[in-house]
Amino acid sequence: MEIVVSNQVSHVPVTIFQVKGEISAASYEQLQQQAQDAFKAGMRNLILDLTDVTIVSSAGLRAIHSIFTLLQAAFPEESAEAIHKGMKEGTFKSSHLKLVRPTRHVRETLKMAGYDMFLEIHPNQQEAIASF
């Protein structure tokens, strides 16, 4: 797996991980570590561009969830309120982690695992950046 990192500024600074290859048992730790390192350096808004990801295994899903949890923990008041309201209305989506353009197979995996219920999936980076 390869991760190309870039930064953009919209309303807030946004870090983009353009991931290539498989997010699987052999590579999920790399994704988690890169996110943790970026978080320690100040990243609070992340886009995972999945355009070139061929497979997301259960280990990959755990890595994505780990990143979601890391970012939500940075905003405890906002997160508790949003989650509570969203759970009541069925509309909660992360305001700090967005996904971009997963392949059909990866999108199906995310949907089967229920990740589309709490993560926005955008058709391109520009739309994802504008959503922050």
N, C-alpha and C. Protein backbone atom coordinates (compact mmCIF):
# COMPACT_ATOMS: atom_id res chain seq x y z
N MET A 1 0.85 -1.17 0.00
CA MET A 1 0.00 0.00 0.00
C MET A 1 0.89 1.23 0.00
N GLU A 2 0.44 2.25 -0.71
CA GLU A 2 1.14 3.53 -0.77
C GLU A 2 0.16 4.62 -0.33
N ILE A 3 0.67 5.60 0.42
CA ILE A 3 -0.16 6.72 0.85
C ILE A 3 0.56 8.01 0.45
N VAL A 4 -0.10 8.80 -0.38
CA VAL A 4 0.42 10.10 -0.77
C VAL A 4 -0.34 11.14 0.05
N VAL A 5 0.40 11.96 0.78
CA VAL A 5 -0.22 12.93 1.69
C VAL A 5 -0.12 14.33 1.09
N SER A 6 -1.23 15.05 1.15
CA SER A 6 -1.24 16.46 0.74
C SER A 6 -2.13 17.23 1.69
N ASN A 7 -2.02 18.54 1.64
CA ASN A 7 -2.82 19.41 2.51
C ASN A 7 -3.51 20.47 1.68
N GLN A 8 -4.73 20.80 2.06
CA GLN A 8 -5.52 21.84 1.42
C GLN A 8 -6.13 22.70 2.51
N VAL A 9 -6.51 23.90 2.15
CA VAL A 9 -7.21 24.76 3.10
C VAL A 9 -8.53 25.16 2.47
N SER A 10 -9.59 24.88 3.18
CA SER A 10 -10.94 25.32 2.79
C SER A 10 -11.37 26.27 3.90
N HIS A 11 -12.43 25.95 4.58
CA HIS A 11 -12.81 26.71 5.78
C HIS A 11 -11.86 26.36 6.91
N VAL A 12 -11.30 25.17 6.82
CA VAL A 12 -10.36 24.66 7.82
C VAL A 12 -9.24 23.93 7.08
N PRO A 13 -8.10 23.70 7.72
CA PRO A 13 -7.06 22.89 7.08
C PRO A 13 -7.54 21.44 6.93
N VAL A 14 -7.25 20.84 5.77
CA VAL A 14 -7.66 19.47 5.49
C VAL A 14 -6.45 18.68 4.99
N THR A 15 -6.25 17.52 5.56
CA THR A 15 -5.20 16.61 5.10
C THR A 15 -5.84 15.55 4.23
N ILE A 16 -5.18 15.23 3.13
CA ILE A 16 -5.69 14.22 2.20
C ILE A 16 -4.70 13.06 2.15
N PHE A 17 -5.20 11.86 2.40
CA PHE A 17 -4.42 10.65 2.20
C PHE A 17 -4.94 10.01 0.93
N GLN A 18 -4.15 10.01 -0.13
CA GLN A 18 -4.52 9.32 -1.34
C GLN A 18 -3.90 7.92 -1.24
N VAL A 19 -4.77 6.95 -0.97
CA VAL A 19 -4.32 5.59 -0.69
C VAL A 19 -4.35 4.77 -1.97
N LYS A 20 -3.30 3.97 -2.17
CA LYS A 20 -3.22 3.11 -3.36
C LYS A 20 -2.90 1.69 -2.93
N GLY A 21 -3.65 0.74 -3.50
CA GLY A 21 -3.42 -0.66 -3.18
C GLY A 21 -4.51 -1.22 -2.29
N GLU A 22 -4.13 -2.17 -1.45
CA GLU A 22 -5.07 -2.83 -0.55
C GLU A 22 -4.93 -2.29 0.87
N ILE A 23 -6.05 -2.12 1.54
CA ILE A 23 -6.02 -1.84 2.98
C ILE A 23 -6.44 -3.16 3.62
N SER A 24 -5.44 -3.93 4.01
CA SER A 24 -5.68 -5.29 4.46
C SER A 24 -4.83 -5.59 5.70
N ALA A 25 -4.81 -6.84 6.11
CA ALA A 25 -4.04 -7.24 7.28
C ALA A 25 -2.55 -6.93 7.11
N ALA A 26 -2.09 -6.90 5.88
CA ALA A 26 -0.68 -6.63 5.63
C ALA A 26 -0.34 -5.15 5.66
N SER A 27 -1.35 -4.27 5.61
CA SER A 27 -1.06 -2.84 5.47
C SER A 27 -1.84 -1.90 6.39
N TYR A 28 -2.83 -2.41 7.09
CA TYR A 28 -3.69 -1.52 7.87
C TYR A 28 -2.93 -0.74 8.93
N GLU A 29 -1.88 -1.34 9.51
CA GLU A 29 -1.11 -0.66 10.56
C GLU A 29 -0.40 0.57 9.99
N GLN A 30 0.02 0.50 8.74
CA GLN A 30 0.66 1.64 8.10
C GLN A 30 -0.31 2.81 8.01
N LEU A 31 -1.55 2.54 7.62
CA LEU A 31 -2.57 3.59 7.53
C LEU A 31 -2.86 4.18 8.90
N GLN A 32 -3.03 3.33 9.90
CA GLN A 32 -3.29 3.80 11.26
C GLN A 32 -2.13 4.65 11.77
N GLN A 33 -0.91 4.19 11.57
CA GLN A 33 0.25 4.91 12.06
C GLN A 33 0.40 6.26 11.38
N GLN A 34 0.17 6.29 10.08
CA GLN A 34 0.27 7.55 9.34
C GLN A 34 -0.76 8.55 9.86
N ALA A 35 -1.97 8.07 10.14
CA ALA A 35 -3.01 8.94 10.69
C ALA A 35 -2.64 9.42 12.09
N GLN A 36 -2.12 8.54 12.91
CA GLN A 36 -1.71 8.94 14.26
C GLN A 36 -0.59 9.96 14.22
N ASP A 37 0.37 9.77 13.33
CA ASP A 37 1.48 10.72 13.18
C ASP A 37 0.95 12.09 12.71
N ALA A 38 0.05 12.08 11.75
CA ALA A 38 -0.53 13.33 11.25
C ALA A 38 -1.33 14.02 12.36
N PHE A 39 -2.06 13.23 13.15
CA PHE A 39 -2.84 13.78 14.26
C PHE A 39 -1.92 14.45 15.27
N LYS A 40 -0.83 13.78 15.61
CA LYS A 40 0.14 14.36 16.55
C LYS A 40 0.74 15.65 16.01
N ALA A 41 0.81 15.77 14.69
CA ALA A 41 1.35 16.98 14.04
C ALA A 41 0.28 18.06 13.87
N GLY A 42 -0.96 17.78 14.30
CA GLY A 42 -2.01 18.80 14.27
C GLY A 42 -3.17 18.56 13.33
N MET A 43 -3.15 17.49 12.56
CA MET A 43 -4.25 17.21 11.64
C MET A 43 -5.53 16.92 12.43
N ARG A 44 -6.64 17.58 12.02
CA ARG A 44 -7.93 17.34 12.66
C ARG A 44 -9.03 17.07 11.66
N ASN A 45 -8.75 17.22 10.37
CA ASN A 45 -9.72 16.95 9.31
C ASN A 45 -9.02 16.15 8.24
N LEU A 46 -9.58 14.98 7.92
CA LEU A 46 -8.90 14.05 7.02
C LEU A 46 -9.84 13.55 5.94
N ILE A 47 -9.31 13.49 4.73
CA ILE A 47 -9.99 12.85 3.62
C ILE A 47 -9.19 11.61 3.26
N LEU A 48 -9.86 10.48 3.18
CA LEU A 48 -9.25 9.26 2.65
C LEU A 48 -9.73 9.12 1.21
N ASP A 49 -8.82 9.35 0.27
CA ASP A 49 -9.16 9.18 -1.15
C ASP A 49 -8.92 7.71 -1.49
N LEU A 50 -10.01 7.01 -1.75
CA LEU A 50 -9.97 5.56 -1.98
C LEU A 50 -10.06 5.19 -3.46
N THR A 51 -9.83 6.14 -4.33
CA THR A 51 -9.95 5.93 -5.76
C THR A 51 -9.14 4.72 -6.23
N ASP A 52 -7.93 4.57 -5.71
CA ASP A 52 -7.02 3.51 -6.16
C ASP A 52 -6.88 2.37 -5.16
N VAL A 53 -7.88 2.23 -4.27
CA VAL A 53 -7.87 1.13 -3.31
C VAL A 53 -8.66 -0.03 -3.92
N THR A 54 -8.04 -1.18 -3.99
CA THR A 54 -8.68 -2.34 -4.62
C THR A 54 -9.47 -3.18 -3.63
N ILE A 55 -9.01 -3.24 -2.38
CA ILE A 55 -9.67 -4.08 -1.37
C ILE A 55 -9.58 -3.38 -0.02
N VAL A 56 -10.68 -3.42 0.75
CA VAL A 56 -10.66 -3.06 2.15
C VAL A 56 -11.13 -4.29 2.91
N SER A 57 -10.21 -4.92 3.63
CA SER A 57 -10.55 -6.13 4.39
C SER A 57 -11.10 -5.73 5.76
N SER A 58 -11.40 -6.72 6.59
CA SER A 58 -11.88 -6.41 7.94
C SER A 58 -10.81 -5.64 8.72
N ALA A 59 -9.55 -5.94 8.50
CA ALA A 59 -8.48 -5.18 9.15
C ALA A 59 -8.48 -3.74 8.64
N GLY A 60 -8.75 -3.54 7.38
CA GLY A 60 -8.84 -2.20 6.81
C GLY A 60 -10.01 -1.43 7.41
N LEU A 61 -11.13 -2.12 7.60
CA LEU A 61 -12.28 -1.48 8.24
C LEU A 61 -11.94 -1.06 9.67
N ARG A 62 -11.19 -1.90 10.38
CA ARG A 62 -10.77 -1.54 11.73
C ARG A 62 -9.88 -0.31 11.72
N ALA A 63 -9.00 -0.21 10.72
CA ALA A 63 -8.11 0.95 10.61
C ALA A 63 -8.92 2.22 10.36
N ILE A 64 -9.90 2.15 9.47
CA ILE A 64 -10.74 3.32 9.20
C ILE A 64 -11.52 3.71 10.45
N HIS A 65 -12.05 2.72 11.15
CA HIS A 65 -12.78 3.01 12.39
C HIS A 65 -11.85 3.61 13.44
N SER A 66 -10.63 3.12 13.52
CA SER A 66 -9.65 3.66 14.46
C SER A 66 -9.37 5.13 14.18
N ILE A 67 -9.27 5.49 12.91
CA ILE A 67 -9.04 6.89 12.51
C ILE A 67 -10.26 7.73 12.87
N PHE A 68 -11.44 7.21 12.59
CA PHE A 68 -12.69 7.89 12.96
C PHE A 68 -12.71 8.18 14.46
N THR A 69 -12.39 7.18 15.27
CA THR A 69 -12.40 7.32 16.72
C THR A 69 -11.35 8.33 17.19
N LEU A 70 -10.17 8.29 16.59
CA LEU A 70 -9.11 9.23 16.91
C LEU A 70 -9.56 10.67 16.69
N LEU A 71 -10.17 10.92 15.54
CA LEU A 71 -10.61 12.28 15.22
C LEU A 71 -11.80 12.70 16.07
N GLN A 72 -12.73 11.82 16.34
CA GLN A 72 -13.89 12.17 17.16
C GLN A 72 -13.46 12.49 18.58
N ALA A 73 -12.46 11.80 19.09
CA ALA A 73 -11.99 12.02 20.45
C ALA A 73 -11.40 13.42 20.63
N ALA A 74 -10.94 14.03 19.55
CA ALA A 74 -10.37 15.37 19.63
C ALA A 74 -11.43 16.44 19.85
N PHE A 75 -12.69 16.09 19.64
CA PHE A 75 -13.79 17.05 19.76
C PHE A 75 -14.90 16.43 20.62
N PRO A 76 -14.64 16.17 21.90
CA PRO A 76 -15.61 15.42 22.71
C PRO A 76 -16.98 16.09 22.85
N GLU A 77 -17.02 17.40 23.03
CA GLU A 77 -18.33 18.06 23.19
C GLU A 77 -19.12 18.01 21.89
N GLU A 78 -18.45 18.36 20.80
CA GLU A 78 -19.09 18.34 19.49
C GLU A 78 -19.54 16.92 19.13
N SER A 79 -18.71 15.96 19.39
CA SER A 79 -19.01 14.59 19.03
C SER A 79 -20.19 14.04 19.83
N ALA A 80 -20.19 14.25 21.13
CA ALA A 80 -21.27 13.72 21.95
C ALA A 80 -22.60 14.30 21.52
N GLU A 81 -22.63 15.61 21.28
CA GLU A 81 -23.86 16.26 20.86
C GLU A 81 -24.31 15.77 19.48
N ALA A 82 -23.37 15.73 18.53
CA ALA A 82 -23.70 15.30 17.17
C ALA A 82 -24.14 13.84 17.13
N ILE A 83 -23.44 13.01 17.85
CA ILE A 83 -23.80 11.58 17.87
C ILE A 83 -25.17 11.40 18.48
N HIS A 84 -25.43 12.06 19.61
CA HIS A 84 -26.73 11.93 20.27
C HIS A 84 -27.86 12.38 19.34
N LYS A 85 -27.69 13.56 18.74
CA LYS A 85 -28.71 14.08 17.83
C LYS A 85 -28.84 13.17 16.60
N GLY A 86 -27.71 12.78 16.04
CA GLY A 86 -27.73 11.95 14.85
C GLY A 86 -28.33 10.58 15.07
N MET A 87 -28.10 10.02 16.24
CA MET A 87 -28.68 8.72 16.54
C MET A 87 -30.19 8.82 16.64
N LYS A 88 -30.66 9.92 17.20
CA LYS A 88 -32.11 10.12 17.31
C LYS A 88 -32.74 10.30 15.93
N GLU A 89 -32.03 11.02 15.06
CA GLU A 89 -32.58 11.34 13.76
C GLU A 89 -32.08 10.43 12.64
N GLY A 90 -31.09 9.59 12.96
CA GLY A 90 -30.51 8.72 11.95
C GLY A 90 -29.69 9.46 10.91
N THR A 91 -29.08 10.58 11.32
CA THR A 91 -28.37 11.41 10.35
C THR A 91 -26.92 11.70 10.72
N PHE A 92 -26.36 11.05 11.72
CA PHE A 92 -25.00 11.38 12.14
C PHE A 92 -23.98 11.03 11.06
N LYS A 93 -23.13 11.98 10.73
CA LYS A 93 -21.99 11.77 9.84
C LYS A 93 -20.79 12.46 10.46
N SER A 94 -19.64 11.86 10.37
CA SER A 94 -18.43 12.47 10.91
C SER A 94 -18.16 13.81 10.25
N SER A 95 -17.82 14.80 11.05
CA SER A 95 -17.47 16.09 10.49
C SER A 95 -15.96 16.25 10.32
N HIS A 96 -15.19 15.20 10.62
CA HIS A 96 -13.74 15.31 10.56
C HIS A 96 -13.07 14.25 9.69
N LEU A 97 -13.83 13.26 9.23
CA LEU A 97 -13.29 12.22 8.35
C LEU A 97 -14.27 12.01 7.20
N LYS A 98 -13.76 12.13 5.98
CA LYS A 98 -14.59 11.94 4.78
C LYS A 98 -13.88 10.96 3.85
N LEU A 99 -14.65 10.24 3.07
CA LEU A 99 -14.11 9.30 2.09
C LEU A 99 -14.38 9.83 0.69
N VAL A 100 -13.47 9.51 -0.24
CA VAL A 100 -13.62 9.95 -1.62
C VAL A 100 -13.52 8.76 -2.55
N ARG A 101 -14.47 8.68 -3.43
CA ARG A 101 -14.50 7.84 -4.62
C ARG A 101 -14.01 6.39 -4.46
N PRO A 102 -14.61 5.65 -3.55
CA PRO A 102 -14.23 4.24 -3.47
C PRO A 102 -14.71 3.49 -4.72
N THR A 103 -13.98 2.47 -5.09
CA THR A 103 -14.41 1.63 -6.20
C THR A 103 -15.73 0.95 -5.82
N ARG A 104 -16.39 0.40 -6.79
CA ARG A 104 -17.68 -0.27 -6.53
C ARG A 104 -17.51 -1.35 -5.46
N HIS A 105 -16.46 -2.15 -5.57
CA HIS A 105 -16.23 -3.24 -4.61
C HIS A 105 -15.98 -2.69 -3.20
N VAL A 106 -15.16 -1.66 -3.10
CA VAL A 106 -14.86 -1.06 -1.80
C VAL A 106 -16.11 -0.39 -1.23
N ARG A 107 -16.87 0.28 -2.06
CA ARG A 107 -18.12 0.91 -1.61
C ARG A 107 -19.08 -0.14 -1.04
N GLU A 108 -19.19 -1.28 -1.71
CA GLU A 108 -20.06 -2.35 -1.22
C GLU A 108 -19.59 -2.86 0.14
N THR A 109 -18.28 -2.99 0.31
CA THR A 109 -17.73 -3.43 1.59
C THR A 109 -18.07 -2.42 2.68
N LEU A 110 -17.88 -1.13 2.39
CA LEU A 110 -18.19 -0.08 3.36
C LEU A 110 -19.67 -0.08 3.72
N LYS A 111 -20.53 -0.26 2.73
CA LYS A 111 -21.98 -0.29 2.99
C LYS A 111 -22.37 -1.51 3.81
N MET A 112 -21.83 -2.68 3.47
CA MET A 112 -22.16 -3.89 4.22
C MET A 112 -21.75 -3.77 5.68
N ALA A 113 -20.66 -3.06 5.94
CA ALA A 113 -20.18 -2.87 7.31
C ALA A 113 -20.88 -1.70 8.00
N GLY A 114 -21.71 -0.96 7.29
CA GLY A 114 -22.45 0.15 7.86
C GLY A 114 -21.67 1.46 7.95
N TYR A 115 -20.51 1.52 7.32
CA TYR A 115 -19.68 2.73 7.41
C TYR A 115 -20.30 3.92 6.68
N ASP A 116 -21.14 3.65 5.70
CA ASP A 116 -21.80 4.75 5.00
C ASP A 116 -22.83 5.45 5.89
N MET A 117 -23.13 4.87 7.03
CA MET A 117 -24.07 5.49 7.96
C MET A 117 -23.42 6.60 8.78
N PHE A 118 -22.09 6.56 8.94
CA PHE A 118 -21.44 7.59 9.74
C PHE A 118 -20.28 8.29 9.04
N LEU A 119 -19.99 7.91 7.80
CA LEU A 119 -18.95 8.57 7.02
C LEU A 119 -19.53 9.03 5.69
N GLU A 120 -19.29 10.30 5.36
CA GLU A 120 -19.71 10.81 4.07
C GLU A 120 -18.80 10.24 2.99
N ILE A 121 -19.41 9.88 1.85
CA ILE A 121 -18.65 9.40 0.70
C ILE A 121 -18.90 10.39 -0.43
N HIS A 122 -17.82 10.99 -0.92
CA HIS A 122 -17.91 12.03 -1.95
C HIS A 122 -17.35 11.53 -3.28
N PRO A 123 -17.85 12.08 -4.39
CA PRO A 123 -17.39 11.64 -5.71
C PRO A 123 -16.02 12.19 -6.11
N ASN A 124 -15.55 13.27 -5.42
CA ASN A 124 -14.24 13.82 -5.76
C ASN A 124 -13.69 14.61 -4.56
N GLN A 125 -12.40 14.91 -4.64
CA GLN A 125 -11.74 15.61 -3.53
C GLN A 125 -12.30 17.00 -3.31
N GLN A 126 -12.60 17.71 -4.40
CA GLN A 126 -13.09 19.09 -4.25
C GLN A 126 -14.38 19.14 -3.46
N GLU A 127 -15.30 18.24 -3.74
CA GLU A 127 -16.56 18.21 -3.00
C GLU A 127 -16.32 17.84 -1.53
N ALA A 128 -15.42 16.89 -1.30
CA ALA A 128 -15.11 16.50 0.07
C ALA A 128 -14.47 17.66 0.84
N ILE A 129 -13.55 18.36 0.22
CA ILE A 129 -12.91 19.51 0.87
C ILE A 129 -13.94 20.57 1.20
N ALA A 130 -14.83 20.85 0.29
CA ALA A 130 -15.86 21.87 0.50
C ALA A 130 -16.85 21.48 1.61
N SER A 131 -16.94 20.19 1.92
CA SER A 131 -17.90 19.72 2.92
C SER A 131 -17.46 19.98 4.37
N PHE A 132 -16.23 20.38 4.56
CA PHE A 132 -15.74 20.62 5.93
C PHE A 132 -16.23 21.96 6.45
